Amino acid sequence: KKLISEGKNLTLTHPDITRYFMTIPE
């Protein structure tokens, strides 16, 4: 979000990288 708001490109370390996510309340 910060990079987008600054108009900067998003950086990824690898195109196949995956991660698990959950919300703070969960």
PDB file of all heavy atoms in Angstrom:
ATOM      1  N   LYS A   1       0.837  -1.224   0.000  1.00  0.00           N
ATOM      2  CA  LYS A   1       0.000   0.000   0.000  1.00  0.00           C
ATOM      3  C   LYS A   1       0.858   1.254   0.000  1.00  0.00           C
ATOM      4  O   LYS A   1       0.589   2.205  -0.732  1.00  0.00           O
ATOM      5  CB  LYS A   1      -0.907   0.015   1.244  1.00  0.00           C
ATOM      6  CG  LYS A   1      -2.168  -0.780   1.124  1.00  0.00           C
ATOM      7  CD  LYS A   1      -2.901  -0.710   2.461  1.00  0.00           C
ATOM      8  CE  LYS A   1      -4.364  -0.619   2.281  1.00  0.00           C
ATOM      9  NZ  LYS A   1      -5.074  -0.623   3.572  1.00  0.00           N
ATOM     10  N   LYS A   2       1.898   1.250   0.820  1.00  0.00           N
ATOM     11  CA  LYS A   2       2.790   2.410   0.917  1.00  0.00           C
ATOM     12  C   LYS A   2       3.493   2.649  -0.414  1.00  0.00           C
ATOM     13  O   LYS A   2       3.561   3.789  -0.902  1.00  0.00           O
ATOM     14  CB  LYS A   2       3.805   2.201   2.038  1.00  0.00           C
ATOM     15  CG  LYS A   2       4.717   3.396   2.296  1.00  0.00           C
ATOM     16  CD  LYS A   2       5.620   3.119   3.501  1.00  0.00           C
ATOM     17  CE  LYS A   2       6.429   4.312   3.917  1.00  0.00           C
ATOM     18  NZ  LYS A   2       7.376   4.781   2.928  1.00  0.00           N
ATOM     19  N   LEU A   3       4.022   1.589  -1.019  1.00  0.00           N
ATOM     20  CA  LEU A   3       4.709   1.724  -2.296  1.00  0.00           C
ATOM     21  C   LEU A   3       3.761   2.247  -3.378  1.00  0.00           C
ATOM     22  O   LEU A   3       4.127   3.133  -4.156  1.00  0.00           O
ATOM     23  CB  LEU A   3       5.323   0.385  -2.725  1.00  0.00           C
ATOM     24  CG  LEU A   3       6.514  -0.111  -1.906  1.00  0.00           C
ATOM     25  CD1 LEU A   3       6.875  -1.544  -2.280  1.00  0.00           C
ATOM     26  CD2 LEU A   3       7.720   0.809  -2.099  1.00  0.00           C
ATOM     27  N   ILE A   4       2.538   1.731  -3.403  1.00  0.00           N
ATOM     28  CA  ILE A   4       1.547   2.178  -4.390  1.00  0.00           C
ATOM     29  C   ILE A   4       1.223   3.655  -4.173  1.00  0.00           C
ATOM     30  O   ILE A   4       1.171   4.434  -5.126  1.00  0.00           O
ATOM     31  CB  ILE A   4       0.276   1.294  -4.329  1.00  0.00           C
ATOM     32  CG1 ILE A   4       0.567  -0.098  -4.904  1.00  0.00           C
ATOM     33  CG2 ILE A   4      -0.883   1.955  -5.073  1.00  0.00           C
ATOM     34  CD1 ILE A   4      -0.531  -1.121  -4.678  1.00  0.00           C
ATOM     35  N   SER A   5       1.018   4.048  -2.906  1.00  0.00           N
ATOM     36  CA  SER A   5       0.680   5.455  -2.625  1.00  0.00           C
ATOM     37  C   SER A   5       1.818   6.401  -3.016  1.00  0.00           C
ATOM     38  O   SER A   5       1.595   7.564  -3.345  1.00  0.00           O
ATOM     39  CB  SER A   5       0.308   5.651  -1.155  1.00  0.00           C
ATOM     40  OG  SER A   5       1.461   5.553  -0.340  1.00  0.00           O
ATOM     41  N   GLU A   6       3.059   5.896  -2.988  1.00  0.00           N
ATOM     42  CA  GLU A   6       4.218   6.699  -3.377  1.00  0.00           C
ATOM     43  C   GLU A   6       4.516   6.600  -4.872  1.00  0.00           C
ATOM     44  O   GLU A   6       5.456   7.203  -5.367  1.00  0.00           O
ATOM     45  CB  GLU A   6       5.454   6.247  -2.579  1.00  0.00           C
ATOM     46  CG  GLU A   6       5.336   6.515  -1.088  1.00  0.00           C
ATOM     47  CD  GLU A   6       6.466   5.866  -0.282  1.00  0.00           C
ATOM     48  OE1 GLU A   6       7.286   5.098  -0.852  1.00  0.00           O
ATOM     49  OE2 GLU A   6       6.527   6.125   0.934  1.00  0.00           O
ATOM     50  N   GLY A   7       3.709   5.786  -5.591  1.00  0.00           N
ATOM     51  CA  GLY A   7       3.916   5.622  -7.031  1.00  0.00           C
ATOM     52  C   GLY A   7       5.131   4.782  -7.375  1.00  0.00           C
ATOM     53  O   GLY A   7       5.654   4.854  -8.485  1.00  0.00           O
ATOM     54  N   LYS A   8       5.572   3.961  -6.425  1.00  0.00           N
ATOM     55  CA  LYS A   8       6.760   3.126  -6.642  1.00  0.00           C
ATOM     56  C   LYS A   8       6.347   1.708  -7.033  1.00  0.00           C
ATOM     57  O   LYS A   8       5.280   1.227  -6.645  1.00  0.00           O
ATOM     58  CB  LYS A   8       7.617   3.082  -5.377  1.00  0.00           C
ATOM     59  CG  LYS A   8       8.201   4.418  -4.998  1.00  0.00           C
ATOM     60  CD  LYS A   8       9.021   4.294  -3.728  1.00  0.00           C
ATOM     61  CE  LYS A   8       9.616   5.644  -3.341  1.00  0.00           C
ATOM     62  NZ  LYS A   8      10.316   5.553  -2.040  1.00  0.00           N
ATOM     63  N   ASN A   9       7.225   1.042  -7.779  1.00  0.00           N
ATOM     64  CA  ASN A   9       6.979  -0.340  -8.171  1.00  0.00           C
ATOM     65  C   ASN A   9       6.992  -1.253  -6.943  1.00  0.00           C
ATOM     66  O   ASN A   9       7.726  -1.015  -5.989  1.00  0.00           O
ATOM     67  CB  ASN A   9       8.050  -0.822  -9.151  1.00  0.00           C
ATOM     68  CG  ASN A   9       7.916  -0.186 -10.513  1.00  0.00           C
ATOM     69  OD1 ASN A   9       6.859   0.338 -10.864  1.00  0.00           O
ATOM     70  ND2 ASN A   9       8.980  -0.229 -11.287  1.00  0.00           N
ATOM     71  N   LEU A  10       6.170  -2.312  -7.010  1.00  0.00           N
ATOM     72  CA  LEU A  10       6.161  -3.310  -5.943  1.00  0.00           C
ATOM     73  C   LEU A  10       7.302  -4.282  -6.202  1.00  0.00           C
ATOM     74  O   LEU A  10       7.525  -4.692  -7.342  1.00  0.00           O
ATOM     75  CB  LEU A  10       4.826  -4.055  -5.909  1.00  0.00           C
ATOM     76  CG  LEU A  10       3.558  -3.198  -5.825  1.00  0.00           C
ATOM     77  CD1 LEU A  10       2.335  -4.071  -5.618  1.00  0.00           C
ATOM     78  CD2 LEU A  10       3.670  -2.176  -4.715  1.00  0.00           C
ATOM     79  N   THR A  11       8.038  -4.623  -5.160  1.00  0.00           N
ATOM     80  CA  THR A  11       9.157  -5.546  -5.322  1.00  0.00           C
ATOM     81  C   THR A  11       8.802  -6.909  -4.732  1.00  0.00           C
ATOM     82  O   THR A  11       8.246  -7.003  -3.649  1.00  0.00           O
ATOM     83  CB  THR A  11      10.432  -5.004  -4.642  1.00  0.00           C
ATOM     84  OG1 THR A  11      10.160  -4.740  -3.280  1.00  0.00           O
ATOM     85  CG2 THR A  11      10.919  -3.729  -5.324  1.00  0.00           C
ATOM     86  N   LEU A  12       9.108  -7.935  -5.503  1.00  0.00           N
ATOM     87  CA  LEU A  12       8.922  -9.323  -5.080  1.00  0.00           C
ATOM     88  C   LEU A  12      10.251 -10.033  -5.215  1.00  0.00           C
ATOM     89  O   LEU A  12      11.022  -9.741  -6.129  1.00  0.00           O
ATOM     90  CB  LEU A  12       7.906 -10.039  -5.980  1.00  0.00           C
ATOM     91  CG  LEU A  12       6.457  -9.642  -5.825  1.00  0.00           C
ATOM     92  CD1 LEU A  12       5.638 -10.158  -6.975  1.00  0.00           C
ATOM     93  CD2 LEU A  12       5.923 -10.200  -4.534  1.00  0.00           C
ATOM     94  N   THR A  13      10.495 -10.986  -4.337  1.00  0.00           N
ATOM     95  CA  THR A  13      11.753 -11.701  -4.429  1.00  0.00           C
ATOM     96  C   THR A  13      11.718 -12.800  -5.489  1.00  0.00           C
ATOM     97  O   THR A  13      12.750 -13.160  -6.038  1.00  0.00           O
ATOM     98  CB  THR A  13      12.151 -12.301  -3.062  1.00  0.00           C
ATOM     99  OG1 THR A  13      11.115 -13.163  -2.611  1.00  0.00           O
ATOM    100  CG2 THR A  13      12.418 -11.199  -2.055  1.00  0.00           C
ATOM    101  N   HIS A  14      10.519 -13.348  -5.776  1.00  0.00           N
ATOM    102  CA  HIS A  14      10.414 -14.438  -6.756  1.00  0.00           C
ATOM    103  C   HIS A  14       8.961 -14.512  -7.225  1.00  0.00           C
ATOM    104  O   HIS A  14       8.042 -14.338  -6.420  1.00  0.00           O
ATOM    105  CB  HIS A  14      10.835 -15.754  -6.095  1.00  0.00           C
ATOM    106  CG  HIS A  14      11.086 -16.852  -7.057  1.00  0.00           C
ATOM    107  ND1 HIS A  14      10.072 -17.564  -7.657  1.00  0.00           N
ATOM    108  CD2 HIS A  14      12.252 -17.368  -7.532  1.00  0.00           C
ATOM    109  CE1 HIS A  14      10.592 -18.485  -8.449  1.00  0.00           C
ATOM    110  NE2 HIS A  14      11.922 -18.378  -8.385  1.00  0.00           N
ATOM    111  N   PRO A  15       8.709 -14.809  -8.499  1.00  0.00           N
ATOM    112  CA  PRO A  15       7.325 -14.856  -8.988  1.00  0.00           C
ATOM    113  C   PRO A  15       6.490 -16.015  -8.426  1.00  0.00           C
ATOM    114  O   PRO A  15       5.264 -15.959  -8.447  1.00  0.00           O
ATOM    115  CB  PRO A  15       7.474 -14.988 -10.513  1.00  0.00           C
ATOM    116  CG  PRO A  15       8.853 -15.483 -10.734  1.00  0.00           C
ATOM    117  CD  PRO A  15       9.682 -14.999  -9.573  1.00  0.00           C
ATOM    118  N   ASP A  16       7.149 -17.066  -7.922  1.00  0.00           N
ATOM    119  CA  ASP A  16       6.417 -18.234  -7.416  1.00  0.00           C
ATOM    120  C   ASP A  16       6.264 -18.254  -5.903  1.00  0.00           C
ATOM    121  O   ASP A  16       5.755 -19.226  -5.339  1.00  0.00           O
ATOM    122  CB  ASP A  16       7.114 -19.529  -7.861  1.00  0.00           C
ATOM    123  CG  ASP A  16       7.085 -19.705  -9.362  1.00  0.00           C
ATOM    124  OD1 ASP A  16       6.110 -19.255  -9.993  1.00  0.00           O
ATOM    125  OD2 ASP A  16       8.055 -20.268  -9.913  1.00  0.00           O
ATOM    126  N   ILE A  17       6.685 -17.211  -5.221  1.00  0.00           N
ATOM    127  CA  ILE A  17       6.651 -17.206  -3.756  1.00  0.00           C
ATOM    128  C   ILE A  17       5.203 -17.186  -3.259  1.00  0.00           C
ATOM    129  O   ILE A  17       4.361 -16.486  -3.805  1.00  0.00           O
ATOM    130  CB  ILE A  17       7.481 -16.028  -3.198  1.00  0.00           C
ATOM    131  CG1 ILE A  17       7.966 -16.336  -1.788  1.00  0.00           C
ATOM    132  CG2 ILE A  17       6.749 -14.727  -3.261  1.00  0.00           C
ATOM    133  CD1 ILE A  17       9.185 -15.525  -1.387  1.00  0.00           C
ATOM    134  N   THR A  18       4.923 -18.012  -2.258  1.00  0.00           N
ATOM    135  CA  THR A  18       3.579 -18.067  -1.668  1.00  0.00           C
ATOM    136  C   THR A  18       3.699 -17.907  -0.158  1.00  0.00           C
ATOM    137  O   THR A  18       4.723 -18.244   0.438  1.00  0.00           O
ATOM    138  CB  THR A  18       2.866 -19.409  -1.961  1.00  0.00           C
ATOM    139  OG1 THR A  18       3.611 -20.474  -1.389  1.00  0.00           O
ATOM    140  CG2 THR A  18       2.668 -19.630  -3.450  1.00  0.00           C
ATOM    141  N   ARG A  19       2.624 -17.419   0.445  1.00  0.00           N
ATOM    142  CA  ARG A  19       2.558 -17.274   1.892  1.00  0.00           C
ATOM    143  C   ARG A  19       1.127 -17.523   2.358  1.00  0.00           C
ATOM    144  O   ARG A  19       0.172 -17.356   1.602  1.00  0.00           O
ATOM    145  CB  ARG A  19       2.982 -15.860   2.343  1.00  0.00           C
ATOM    146  CG  ARG A  19       4.455 -15.541   2.113  1.00  0.00           C
ATOM    147  CD  ARG A  19       5.346 -16.399   2.999  1.00  0.00           C
ATOM    148  NE  ARG A  19       6.752 -16.108   2.843  1.00  0.00           N
ATOM    149  CZ  ARG A  19       7.593 -16.820   2.094  1.00  0.00           C
ATOM    150  NH1 ARG A  19       7.169 -17.849   1.405  1.00  0.00           N
ATOM    151  NH2 ARG A  19       8.874 -16.500   2.049  1.00  0.00           N
ATOM    152  N   TYR A  20       1.000 -17.900   3.626  1.00  0.00           N
ATOM    153  CA  TYR A  20      -0.299 -18.071   4.265  1.00  0.00           C
ATOM    154  C   TYR A  20      -0.680 -16.764   4.953  1.00  0.00           C
ATOM    155  O   TYR A  20       0.185 -16.066   5.460  1.00  0.00           O
ATOM    156  CB  TYR A  20      -0.248 -19.175   5.321  1.00  0.00           C
ATOM    157  CG  TYR A  20      -0.062 -20.553   4.747  1.00  0.00           C
ATOM    158  CD1 TYR A  20       1.201 -21.097   4.594  1.00  0.00           C
ATOM    159  CD2 TYR A  20      -1.166 -21.312   4.375  1.00  0.00           C
ATOM    160  CE1 TYR A  20       1.373 -22.376   4.077  1.00  0.00           C
ATOM    161  CE2 TYR A  20      -1.008 -22.588   3.857  1.00  0.00           C
ATOM    162  CZ  TYR A  20       0.268 -23.114   3.714  1.00  0.00           C
ATOM    163  OH  TYR A  20       0.422 -24.367   3.203  1.00  0.00           O
ATOM    164  N   PHE A  21      -1.982 -16.469   4.999  1.00  0.00           N
ATOM    165  CA  PHE A  21      -2.456 -15.235   5.634  1.00  0.00           C
ATOM    166  C   PHE A  21      -3.667 -15.500   6.507  1.00  0.00           C
ATOM    167  O   PHE A  21      -4.467 -16.393   6.229  1.00  0.00           O
ATOM    168  CB  PHE A  21      -2.855 -14.199   4.567  1.00  0.00           C
ATOM    169  CG  PHE A  21      -1.694 -13.674   3.778  1.00  0.00           C
ATOM    170  CD1 PHE A  21      -1.381 -14.207   2.550  1.00  0.00           C
ATOM    171  CD2 PHE A  21      -0.922 -12.641   4.272  1.00  0.00           C
ATOM    172  CE1 PHE A  21      -0.305 -13.722   1.817  1.00  0.00           C
ATOM    173  CE2 PHE A  21       0.154 -12.144   3.549  1.00  0.00           C
ATOM    174  CZ  PHE A  21       0.455 -12.689   2.316  1.00  0.00           C
ATOM    175  N   MET A  22      -3.801 -14.685   7.548  1.00  0.00           N
ATOM    176  CA  MET A  22      -5.021 -14.642   8.348  1.00  0.00           C
ATOM    177  C   MET A  22      -5.150 -13.234   8.911  1.00  0.00           C
ATOM    178  O   MET A  22      -4.192 -12.466   8.931  1.00  0.00           O
ATOM    179  CB  MET A  22      -5.047 -15.705   9.449  1.00  0.00           C
ATOM    180  CG  MET A  22      -4.031 -15.541  10.529  1.00  0.00           C
ATOM    181  SD  MET A  22      -4.116 -16.760  11.902  1.00  0.00           S
ATOM    182  CE  MET A  22      -5.013 -18.115  11.297  1.00  0.00           C
ATOM    183  N   THR A  23      -6.360 -12.891   9.355  1.00  0.00           N
ATOM    184  CA  THR A  23      -6.593 -11.552   9.898  1.00  0.00           C
ATOM    185  C   THR A  23      -6.137 -11.487  11.354  1.00  0.00           C
ATOM    186  O   THR A  23      -5.981 -12.517  12.019  1.00  0.00           O
ATOM    187  CB  THR A  23      -8.087 -11.189   9.832  1.00  0.00           C
ATOM    188  OG1 THR A  23      -8.809 -12.087  10.680  1.00  0.00           O
ATOM    189  CG2 THR A  23      -8.622 -11.249   8.404  1.00  0.00           C
ATOM    190  N   ILE A  24      -5.960 -10.279  11.853  1.00  0.00           N
ATOM    191  CA  ILE A  24      -5.569 -10.093  13.252  1.00  0.00           C
ATOM    192  C   ILE A  24      -6.596 -10.695  14.208  1.00  0.00           C
ATOM    193  O   ILE A  24      -6.228 -11.458  15.114  1.00  0.00           O
ATOM    194  CB  ILE A  24      -5.311  -8.594  13.562  1.00  0.00           C
ATOM    195  CG1 ILE A  24      -4.057  -8.115  12.814  1.00  0.00           C
ATOM    196  CG2 ILE A  24      -5.157  -8.359  15.066  1.00  0.00           C
ATOM    197  CD1 ILE A  24      -3.814  -6.612  12.877  1.00  0.00           C
ATOM    198  N   PRO A  25      -7.911 -10.417  14.039  1.00  0.00           N
ATOM    199  CA  PRO A  25      -8.888 -11.030  14.958  1.00  0.00           C
ATOM    200  C   PRO A  25      -8.880 -12.557  14.905  1.00  0.00           C
ATOM    201  O   PRO A  25      -8.976 -13.223  15.939  1.00  0.00           O
ATOM    202  CB  PRO A  25     -10.232 -10.476  14.483  1.00  0.00           C
ATOM    203  CG  PRO A  25      -9.902  -9.218  13.742  1.00  0.00           C
ATOM    204  CD  PRO A  25      -8.556  -9.453  13.128  1.00  0.00           C
ATOM    205  N   GLU A  26      -8.746 -13.118  13.698  1.00  0.00           N
ATOM    206  CA  GLU A  26      -8.724 -14.578  13.568  1.00  0.00           C
ATOM    207  C   GLU A  26      -7.493 -15.160  14.269  1.00  0.00           C
ATOM    208  O   GLU A  26      -7.597 -16.133  15.015  1.00  0.00           O
ATOM    209  CB  GLU A  26      -8.711 -14.960  12.082  1.00  0.00           C
ATOM    210  CG  GLU A  26      -8.784 -16.452  11.829  1.00  0.00           C
ATOM    211  CD  GLU A  26      -8.783 -16.802  10.352  1.00  0.00           C
ATOM    212  OE1 GLU A  26      -8.364 -15.975   9.513  1.00  0.00           O
ATOM    213  OE2 GLU A  26      -9.194 -17.928  10.039  1.00  0.00           O
TER     214      GLU A  26
END
